[in-house]
Amino acid sequence: MNFKEWFMEAVVNTTDLANAITKTLEFKIPGKWSFDTSDNHQWHPHKAIRVHGLLKNEKTPLPSQHFMVGVFAILEKPIESYDSIKGDSDMRIVAVCHYIQKPGHIRKLGERSKDIYPRSGYWGNHDGESLRTPYELANWIEAVINGFGNNDDGDDDDDTPEYTPSPTPSALVGVGV
């Protein structure tokens, strides 16, 4: 079946979930993708489908630069299929997107998980709750990558030093006047 036709299917078998994730990412986000998948990953205590993707595109011109995406589709209960538009309440997709500048220089750009809460203080511009479908995942990753380099990702390339308050000696605890 043609991917564009398959992409529009309302119900997708969970046995095709890794394929749905990889094909949707390739369809939505231009560049050269490489994937590693596992249809039988264990996410304690649930079954999960794992997809690890690397992307080279115009925002990664140097040989060592690329985007790295880690995705886990977690099946809370065994399900045979899911709605590709609405998802399924027994399946959630957690993901993280990183930018690899060079070995040892990795920057997290965004994360989607049920363990991310606004009150925790770790809520970034591209962080949020778990996703429900491969299409939602692809839209999120597309937004993260499109926004990369526009200073909405915490990138301070303008060489403006951050303001760091310097306390006066009398304001320090334990320092007498």
Protein backbone atom coordinates (compact mmCIF):
# COMPACT_ATOMS: atom_id res chain seq x y z
CA MET A 1 0.00 0.00 0.00
CA ASN A 2 1.16 3.53 -0.78
CA PHE A 3 2.31 5.30 2.42
CA LYS A 4 0.12 8.35 1.78
CA GLU A 5 -2.92 6.04 1.61
CA TRP A 6 -1.79 4.06 4.66
CA PHE A 7 -1.05 7.31 6.50
CA MET A 8 -4.71 8.26 6.22
CA GLU A 9 -6.00 4.97 7.65
CA ALA A 10 -8.13 5.50 10.76
CA VAL A 11 -7.14 2.29 12.54
CA VAL A 12 -3.54 1.03 12.67
CA ASN A 13 -2.40 -2.31 14.05
CA THR A 14 0.04 -2.03 16.94
CA THR A 15 2.23 -4.57 15.12
CA ASP A 16 2.85 -1.75 12.59
CA LEU A 17 3.56 0.91 15.24
CA ALA A 18 7.36 1.12 14.80
CA ASN A 19 6.87 1.35 11.05
CA ALA A 20 4.16 4.00 11.54
CA ILE A 21 6.52 6.09 13.67
CA THR A 22 9.49 5.86 11.29
CA LYS A 23 7.45 6.44 8.12
CA THR A 24 5.57 9.38 9.66
CA LEU A 25 8.83 11.03 10.76
CA GLU A 26 10.33 10.54 7.28
CA PHE A 27 7.15 11.87 5.67
CA LYS A 28 6.84 14.97 7.87
CA ILE A 29 10.47 15.97 8.48
CA PRO A 30 12.88 16.29 5.54
CA GLY A 31 16.44 15.10 5.84
CA LYS A 32 18.36 11.85 5.96
CA TRP A 33 16.98 9.62 8.70
CA SER A 34 18.46 6.42 10.11
CA PHE A 35 16.46 4.30 12.57
CA ASP A 36 16.93 1.48 15.03
CA THR A 37 13.71 -0.11 16.28
CA SER A 38 12.61 -2.78 18.73
CA ASP A 39 9.05 -4.09 18.73
CA ASN A 40 9.55 -6.05 21.92
CA HIS A 41 11.01 -3.58 24.43
CA GLN A 42 10.01 -3.85 28.09
CA TRP A 43 9.01 -0.61 29.87
CA HIS A 44 8.42 -1.86 33.40
CA PRO A 45 5.80 -3.26 33.78
CA HIS A 46 4.45 -2.67 30.25
CA LYS A 47 5.37 -3.67 26.72
CA ALA A 48 6.80 -0.89 24.60
CA ILE A 49 7.93 -0.24 21.06
CA ARG A 50 11.28 1.58 20.92
CA VAL A 51 12.41 3.78 18.04
CA HIS A 52 15.77 5.54 18.00
CA GLY A 53 16.32 7.96 15.13
CA LEU A 54 19.17 10.11 13.86
CA LEU A 55 18.52 12.99 11.47
CA LYS A 56 20.91 14.94 9.25
CA ASN A 57 19.49 18.02 7.55
CA GLU A 58 20.39 21.62 6.63
CA LYS A 59 20.63 22.54 10.34
CA THR A 60 23.36 19.92 10.86
CA PRO A 61 26.03 20.83 8.26
CA LEU A 62 29.11 19.43 10.01
CA PRO A 63 29.79 15.67 9.84
CA SER A 64 29.49 15.26 13.63
CA GLN A 65 26.22 17.20 13.95
CA HIS A 66 22.79 15.57 13.98
CA PHE A 67 19.48 15.43 15.78
CA MET A 68 18.79 12.37 17.92
CA VAL A 69 15.26 11.25 18.75
CA GLY A 70 14.38 8.58 21.30
CA VAL A 71 10.78 7.32 21.27
CA PHE A 72 8.93 4.74 23.34
CA ALA A 73 5.32 3.84 22.50
CA ILE A 74 4.15 2.29 25.76
CA LEU A 75 1.21 -0.07 25.75
CA GLU A 76 -0.44 0.26 29.18
CA LYS A 77 -2.58 -2.79 28.28
CA PRO A 78 -2.20 -5.17 25.35
CA ILE A 79 -4.07 -3.60 22.43
CA GLU A 80 -4.27 -4.81 18.86
CA SER A 81 -4.86 -1.45 17.17
CA TYR A 82 -5.20 2.26 17.81
CA ASP A 83 -6.99 5.19 16.20
CA SER A 84 -4.40 7.12 14.17
CA ILE A 85 -6.28 10.41 14.74
CA LYS A 86 -7.21 10.21 18.45
CA GLY A 87 -4.80 7.57 19.70
CA ASP A 88 -5.81 5.13 22.42
CA SER A 89 -6.08 5.62 26.18
CA ASP A 90 -4.05 2.42 26.66
CA MET A 91 -1.08 3.72 24.62
CA ARG A 92 1.16 6.72 25.25
CA ILE A 93 4.22 7.92 23.40
CA VAL A 94 7.13 9.38 25.34
CA ALA A 95 9.98 10.99 23.46
CA VAL A 96 13.08 13.11 23.80
CA CYS A 97 14.87 15.15 21.13
CA HIS A 98 18.57 16.06 21.38
CA TYR A 99 20.99 18.03 19.23
CA ILE A 100 24.45 16.47 18.95
CA GLN A 101 26.99 19.15 18.09
CA LYS A 102 30.00 16.86 18.42
CA PRO A 103 30.88 13.86 20.57
CA GLY A 104 30.40 14.84 24.19
CA HIS A 105 28.40 17.98 23.37
CA ILE A 106 24.72 17.05 23.58
CA ARG A 107 21.85 19.46 24.18
CA LYS A 108 18.34 18.31 25.09
CA LEU A 109 15.84 20.27 23.03
CA GLY A 110 12.59 18.83 24.34
CA GLU A 111 10.90 15.96 26.10
CA ARG A 112 7.38 14.54 26.14
CA SER A 113 6.50 12.31 29.08
CA LYS A 114 3.90 11.88 31.77
CA ASP A 115 6.71 12.59 34.25
CA ILE A 116 7.16 16.20 33.08
CA TYR A 117 5.18 18.64 35.19
CA PRO A 118 5.11 22.45 34.94
CA ARG A 119 5.47 22.73 38.71
CA SER A 120 8.75 20.82 38.69
CA GLY A 121 10.69 23.76 37.27
CA TYR A 122 12.01 21.58 34.43
CA TRP A 123 9.34 22.52 31.88
CA GLY A 124 11.09 23.80 28.76
CA ASN A 125 9.65 25.39 25.63
CA HIS A 126 9.24 22.01 23.93
CA ASP A 127 8.45 19.86 26.97
CA GLY A 128 5.04 18.47 27.74
CA GLU A 129 2.92 15.47 28.48
CA SER A 130 2.99 12.19 26.59
CA LEU A 131 1.75 12.07 23.02
CA ARG A 132 -0.97 9.76 21.62
CA THR A 133 -0.14 9.11 17.95
CA PRO A 134 2.86 8.95 15.60
CA TYR A 135 1.43 11.99 13.80
CA GLU A 136 1.40 14.04 17.04
CA LEU A 137 4.96 12.87 17.62
CA ALA A 138 6.07 13.95 14.14
CA ASN A 139 4.38 17.36 14.53
CA TRP A 140 6.14 17.88 17.87
CA ILE A 141 9.57 16.88 16.54
CA GLU A 142 9.02 19.05 13.46
CA ALA A 143 8.27 22.05 15.74
CA VAL A 144 11.37 21.36 17.87
CA ILE A 145 13.65 21.11 14.84
CA ASN A 146 12.09 24.09 13.04
CA GLY A 147 12.53 26.19 16.18
CA PHE A 148 16.13 25.07 16.68
CA GLY A 149 18.55 27.98 16.38
CA ASN A 150 15.84 30.61 16.86
CA ASN A 151 16.87 31.15 20.52
CA ASP A 152 13.69 29.48 21.76
CA ASP A 153 15.72 26.41 22.65
CA GLY A 154 17.92 28.09 25.23
CA ASP A 155 20.67 28.62 22.67
CA ASP A 156 22.69 31.70 23.58
CA ASP A 157 24.76 32.20 20.46
CA ASP A 158 24.75 36.00 20.70
CA ASP A 159 27.70 35.99 23.19
CA THR A 160 25.75 38.25 25.57
CA PRO A 161 26.86 37.29 29.07
CA GLU A 162 24.11 36.15 31.38
CA TYR A 163 23.37 38.44 34.30
CA THR A 164 24.81 36.98 37.50
CA PRO A 165 24.15 39.00 40.64
CA SER A 166 27.23 39.59 42.75
CA PRO A 167 26.33 39.92 46.41
CA THR A 168 27.85 42.62 48.51
CA PRO A 169 29.84 41.32 51.47
CA SER A 170 27.27 42.66 53.97
CA ALA A 171 24.50 40.68 52.23
CA LEU A 172 26.27 37.36 52.73
CA VAL A 173 25.01 35.16 55.51
CA GLY A 174 27.40 35.11 58.45
CA VAL A 175 29.33 38.21 57.38
CA GLY A 176 29.21 40.99 59.95
CA VAL A 177 28.95 44.65 59.13
